[in-house]
């Protein structure tokens, strides 16, 4: 089981995501109000808090949302789980659809650090059941 430590959104593509206390997730859409939501397989992005902390310990000055992640979770190493893994938090049910992503044009983080963790550590999900997520909520792996 993991715990949500941050939720981040951006209203426009190409802008940095910013922290919010809670978010409404809609089936086959993603986070309401997030520019990357839509009817596709990468509706919501998740990143492990410990991986971000390790990256910060190497000298990276990154805020929550800097990698483009929507949800930061402490306690689940997402990339070790298979595609199709489902996560439950309250009413919300997510299904992992992709691990990592290709980085076509290296981001500012890569330019500063020579590395970026999102392409290999971040995962993407689609929303199977909607609801509200709040910082502090628990996220668990489920068989449903």
C-alpha atoms as a PDB file:
ATOM      1  CA  UNK A   1       0.000   0.000   0.000  1.00  0.00           C
ATOM      2  CA  UNK A   2       1.165   3.507  -0.768  1.00  0.00           C
ATOM      3  CA  UNK A   3       0.192   7.010   0.290  1.00  0.00           C
ATOM      4  CA  UNK A   4      -0.455   9.957  -2.020  1.00  0.00           C
ATOM      5  CA  UNK A   5       1.968  12.749  -1.083  1.00  0.00           C
ATOM      6  CA  UNK A   6       1.186  15.181  -3.918  1.00  0.00           C
ATOM      7  CA  UNK A   7      -1.284  15.766  -6.731  1.00  0.00           C
ATOM      8  CA  UNK A   8      -0.193  18.026  -9.582  1.00  0.00           C
ATOM      9  CA  UNK A   9      -1.983  19.460 -12.612  1.00  0.00           C
ATOM     10  CA  UNK A  10      -1.397  21.942 -15.407  1.00  0.00           C
ATOM     11  CA  UNK A  11      -4.145  23.769 -17.219  1.00  0.00           C
ATOM     12  CA  UNK A  12      -2.130  24.061 -20.455  1.00  0.00           C
ATOM     13  CA  UNK A  13       0.287  21.684 -22.164  1.00  0.00           C
ATOM     14  CA  UNK A  14       3.883  22.866 -22.094  1.00  0.00           C
ATOM     15  CA  UNK A  15       3.567  24.440 -18.644  1.00  0.00           C
ATOM     16  CA  UNK A  16       4.818  23.040 -15.350  1.00  0.00           C
ATOM     17  CA  UNK A  17       2.328  21.141 -13.228  1.00  0.00           C
ATOM     18  CA  UNK A  18       1.469  22.666  -9.852  1.00  0.00           C
ATOM     19  CA  UNK A  19       0.400  21.171  -6.537  1.00  0.00           C
ATOM     20  CA  UNK A  20      -3.285  20.839  -5.603  1.00  0.00           C
ATOM     21  CA  UNK A  21      -4.792  19.323  -2.452  1.00  0.00           C
ATOM     22  CA  UNK A  22      -7.330  17.190  -4.323  1.00  0.00           C
ATOM     23  CA  UNK A  23      -8.449  16.245  -7.795  1.00  0.00           C
ATOM     24  CA  UNK A  24     -11.546  14.862  -9.429  1.00  0.00           C
ATOM     25  CA  UNK A  25     -10.881  11.909 -11.728  1.00  0.00           C
ATOM     26  CA  UNK A  26     -13.332  11.082 -14.507  1.00  0.00           C
ATOM     27  CA  UNK A  27     -13.713   7.705 -16.259  1.00  0.00           C
ATOM     28  CA  UNK A  28     -12.012   7.553 -19.679  1.00  0.00           C
ATOM     29  CA  UNK A  29     -10.700  11.083 -19.173  1.00  0.00           C
ATOM     30  CA  UNK A  30      -8.269  11.534 -16.269  1.00  0.00           C
ATOM     31  CA  UNK A  31      -7.975  14.485 -13.901  1.00  0.00           C
ATOM     32  CA  UNK A  32     -10.600  17.137 -14.533  1.00  0.00           C
ATOM     33  CA  UNK A  33      -8.830  20.368 -15.475  1.00  0.00           C
ATOM     34  CA  UNK A  34      -5.477  18.769 -16.374  1.00  0.00           C
ATOM     35  CA  UNK A  35      -4.245  19.543 -19.891  1.00  0.00           C
ATOM     36  CA  UNK A  36      -3.033  15.975 -20.480  1.00  0.00           C
ATOM     37  CA  UNK A  37      -6.363  14.338 -19.656  1.00  0.00           C
ATOM     38  CA  UNK A  38      -8.369  12.841 -22.493  1.00  0.00           C
ATOM     39  CA  UNK A  39      -9.667   9.650 -23.984  1.00  0.00           C
ATOM     40  CA  UNK A  40      -6.331   7.874 -24.434  1.00  0.00           C
ATOM     41  CA  UNK A  41      -4.100   5.428 -22.559  1.00  0.00           C
ATOM     42  CA  UNK A  42      -2.054   8.061 -20.642  1.00  0.00           C
ATOM     43  CA  UNK A  43      -4.824   9.806 -18.691  1.00  0.00           C
ATOM     44  CA  UNK A  44      -2.980  10.003 -15.360  1.00  0.00           C
ATOM     45  CA  UNK A  45       0.749   9.773 -14.601  1.00  0.00           C
ATOM     46  CA  UNK A  46       2.197   8.412 -11.368  1.00  0.00           C
ATOM     47  CA  UNK A  47       5.689   8.623  -9.924  1.00  0.00           C
ATOM     48  CA  UNK A  48       7.220   7.114  -6.799  1.00  0.00           C
ATOM     49  CA  UNK A  49       8.173   9.637  -4.069  1.00  0.00           C
ATOM     50  CA  UNK A  50      11.278   7.711  -3.039  1.00  0.00           C
ATOM     51  CA  UNK A  51      12.633   7.887  -6.615  1.00  0.00           C
ATOM     52  CA  UNK A  52      12.092  11.673  -6.607  1.00  0.00           C
ATOM     53  CA  UNK A  53      13.822  11.941  -3.207  1.00  0.00           C
ATOM     54  CA  UNK A  54      16.811   9.929  -4.525  1.00  0.00           C
ATOM     55  CA  UNK A  55      17.027  12.257  -7.531  1.00  0.00           C
ATOM     56  CA  UNK A  56      16.910  15.306  -5.249  1.00  0.00           C
ATOM     57  CA  UNK A  57      19.698  13.784  -3.126  1.00  0.00           C
ATOM     58  CA  UNK A  58      21.862  13.805  -6.283  1.00  0.00           C
ATOM     59  CA  UNK A  59      21.484  17.589  -6.404  1.00  0.00           C
ATOM     60  CA  UNK A  60      18.333  18.096  -8.465  1.00  0.00           C
ATOM     61  CA  UNK A  61      16.261  21.117  -7.507  1.00  0.00           C
ATOM     62  CA  UNK A  62      12.832  19.870  -8.555  1.00  0.00           C
ATOM     63  CA  UNK A  63       9.392  20.693  -7.204  1.00  0.00           C
ATOM     64  CA  UNK A  64       6.487  18.276  -7.137  1.00  0.00           C
ATOM     65  CA  UNK A  65       5.093  18.135 -10.666  1.00  0.00           C
ATOM     66  CA  UNK A  66       8.422  19.043 -12.304  1.00  0.00           C
ATOM     67  CA  UNK A  67       8.570  15.718 -14.151  1.00  0.00           C
ATOM     68  CA  UNK A  68       5.030  16.168 -15.468  1.00  0.00           C
ATOM     69  CA  UNK A  69       3.653  13.665 -12.983  1.00  0.00           C
ATOM     70  CA  UNK A  70       0.071  13.951 -11.741  1.00  0.00           C
ATOM     71  CA  UNK A  71       0.258  11.803  -8.626  1.00  0.00           C
ATOM     72  CA  UNK A  72       3.244  11.178  -6.365  1.00  0.00           C
ATOM     73  CA  UNK A  73       2.958   8.084  -4.207  1.00  0.00           C
ATOM     74  CA  UNK A  74       5.152   6.961  -1.332  1.00  0.00           C
ATOM     75  CA  UNK A  75       5.577   3.220  -0.885  1.00  0.00           C
ATOM     76  CA  UNK A  76       4.869   1.721  -4.337  1.00  0.00           C
ATOM     77  CA  UNK A  77       7.670   1.138  -6.859  1.00  0.00           C
ATOM     78  CA  UNK A  78       5.442   1.320  -9.924  1.00  0.00           C
ATOM     79  CA  UNK A  79       7.918   0.265 -12.595  1.00  0.00           C
ATOM     80  CA  UNK A  80       8.391  -3.145 -10.939  1.00  0.00           C
ATOM     81  CA  UNK A  81       4.719  -3.996 -11.531  1.00  0.00           C
ATOM     82  CA  UNK A  82       3.262  -5.274 -14.804  1.00  0.00           C
ATOM     83  CA  UNK A  83       1.075  -3.408 -17.278  1.00  0.00           C
ATOM     84  CA  UNK A  84      -2.531  -4.037 -16.279  1.00  0.00           C
ATOM     85  CA  UNK A  85      -1.872  -3.594 -12.535  1.00  0.00           C
ATOM     86  CA  UNK A  86      -4.862  -1.893 -10.918  1.00  0.00           C
ATOM     87  CA  UNK A  87      -4.785   0.631  -8.097  1.00  0.00           C
ATOM     88  CA  UNK A  88      -7.661   1.588  -5.800  1.00  0.00           C
ATOM     89  CA  UNK A  89      -8.064   4.688  -3.649  1.00  0.00           C
ATOM     90  CA  UNK A  90     -11.579   5.162  -2.310  1.00  0.00           C
ATOM     91  CA  UNK A  91     -13.924   5.267  -5.305  1.00  0.00           C
ATOM     92  CA  UNK A  92     -11.076   5.730  -7.800  1.00  0.00           C
ATOM     93  CA  UNK A  93      -9.840   2.719  -9.774  1.00  0.00           C
ATOM     94  CA  UNK A  94      -6.838   3.092 -12.094  1.00  0.00           C
ATOM     95  CA  UNK A  95      -5.252   0.603 -14.486  1.00  0.00           C
ATOM     96  CA  UNK A  96      -1.601   0.900 -15.471  1.00  0.00           C
ATOM     97  CA  UNK A  97      -1.239   1.125 -19.258  1.00  0.00           C
ATOM     98  CA  UNK A  98       2.398   2.134 -19.789  1.00  0.00           C
ATOM     99  CA  UNK A  99       5.715   2.125 -17.945  1.00  0.00           C
ATOM    100  CA  UNK A 100       8.027   4.993 -18.801  1.00  0.00           C
ATOM    101  CA  UNK A 101       7.953   7.051 -21.962  1.00  0.00           C
ATOM    102  CA  UNK A 102      10.311   8.093 -24.688  1.00  0.00           C
ATOM    103  CA  UNK A 103      11.788  11.547 -24.192  1.00  0.00           C
ATOM    104  CA  UNK A 104      12.127  13.008 -27.689  1.00  0.00           C
ATOM    105  CA  UNK A 105      13.520  16.384 -26.655  1.00  0.00           C
ATOM    106  CA  UNK A 106      15.395  16.349 -23.387  1.00  0.00           C
ATOM    107  CA  UNK A 107      13.674  18.485 -20.763  1.00  0.00           C
ATOM    108  CA  UNK A 108      15.192  21.215 -18.603  1.00  0.00           C
ATOM    109  CA  UNK A 109      15.762  18.655 -15.839  1.00  0.00           C
ATOM    110  CA  UNK A 110      17.846  16.526 -18.210  1.00  0.00           C
ATOM    111  CA  UNK A 111      19.757  19.590 -19.375  1.00  0.00           C
ATOM    112  CA  UNK A 112      20.647  20.500 -15.781  1.00  0.00           C
ATOM    113  CA  UNK A 113      21.285  16.999 -14.412  1.00  0.00           C
ATOM    114  CA  UNK A 114      22.171  14.850 -17.425  1.00  0.00           C
ATOM    115  CA  UNK A 115      19.305  12.576 -16.398  1.00  0.00           C
ATOM    116  CA  UNK A 116      15.538  12.552 -15.895  1.00  0.00           C
ATOM    117  CA  UNK A 117      13.678   9.823 -14.011  1.00  0.00           C
ATOM    118  CA  UNK A 118      10.234  10.154 -15.613  1.00  0.00           C
ATOM    119  CA  UNK A 119      11.112   8.288 -18.835  1.00  0.00           C
ATOM    120  CA  UNK A 120      12.052   5.155 -16.865  1.00  0.00           C
ATOM    121  CA  UNK A 121      10.259   5.491 -13.483  1.00  0.00           C
ATOM    122  CA  UNK A 122       6.958   7.148 -14.349  1.00  0.00           C
ATOM    123  CA  UNK A 123       3.895   5.092 -15.209  1.00  0.00           C
ATOM    124  CA  UNK A 124       0.628   5.957 -16.893  1.00  0.00           C
ATOM    125  CA  UNK A 125      -2.899   4.839 -16.108  1.00  0.00           C
ATOM    126  CA  UNK A 126      -6.404   5.086 -17.423  1.00  0.00           C
ATOM    127  CA  UNK A 127      -9.321   5.802 -15.100  1.00  0.00           C
ATOM    128  CA  UNK A 128     -11.740   2.860 -14.782  1.00  0.00           C
ATOM    129  CA  UNK A 129     -13.816   4.376 -11.949  1.00  0.00           C
ATOM    130  CA  UNK A 130     -13.882   8.051 -11.101  1.00  0.00           C
ATOM    131  CA  UNK A 131     -13.976   9.938  -7.847  1.00  0.00           C
ATOM    132  CA  UNK A 132     -11.928  12.346  -5.782  1.00  0.00           C
ATOM    133  CA  UNK A 133      -8.321  11.830  -4.682  1.00  0.00           C
ATOM    134  CA  UNK A 134      -6.789  13.848  -1.861  1.00  0.00           C
ATOM    135  CA  UNK A 135      -3.229  14.259  -0.664  1.00  0.00           C
ATOM    136  CA  UNK A 136      -2.814  11.791   2.214  1.00  0.00           C
ATOM    137  CA  UNK A 137      -5.158   9.173   0.716  1.00  0.00           C
ATOM    138  CA  UNK A 138      -3.905   5.617   0.474  1.00  0.00           C
ATOM    139  CA  UNK A 139      -3.430   3.820  -2.832  1.00  0.00           C
ATOM    140  CA  UNK A 140      -3.419   0.046  -2.920  1.00  0.00           C
ATOM    141  CA  UNK A 141      -2.842  -2.610  -5.516  1.00  0.00           C
ATOM    142  CA  UNK A 142      -6.084  -4.469  -6.175  1.00  0.00           C
ATOM    143  CA  UNK A 143      -7.218  -7.532  -8.116  1.00  0.00           C
ATOM    144  CA  UNK A 144     -10.617  -6.070  -9.054  1.00  0.00           C
END
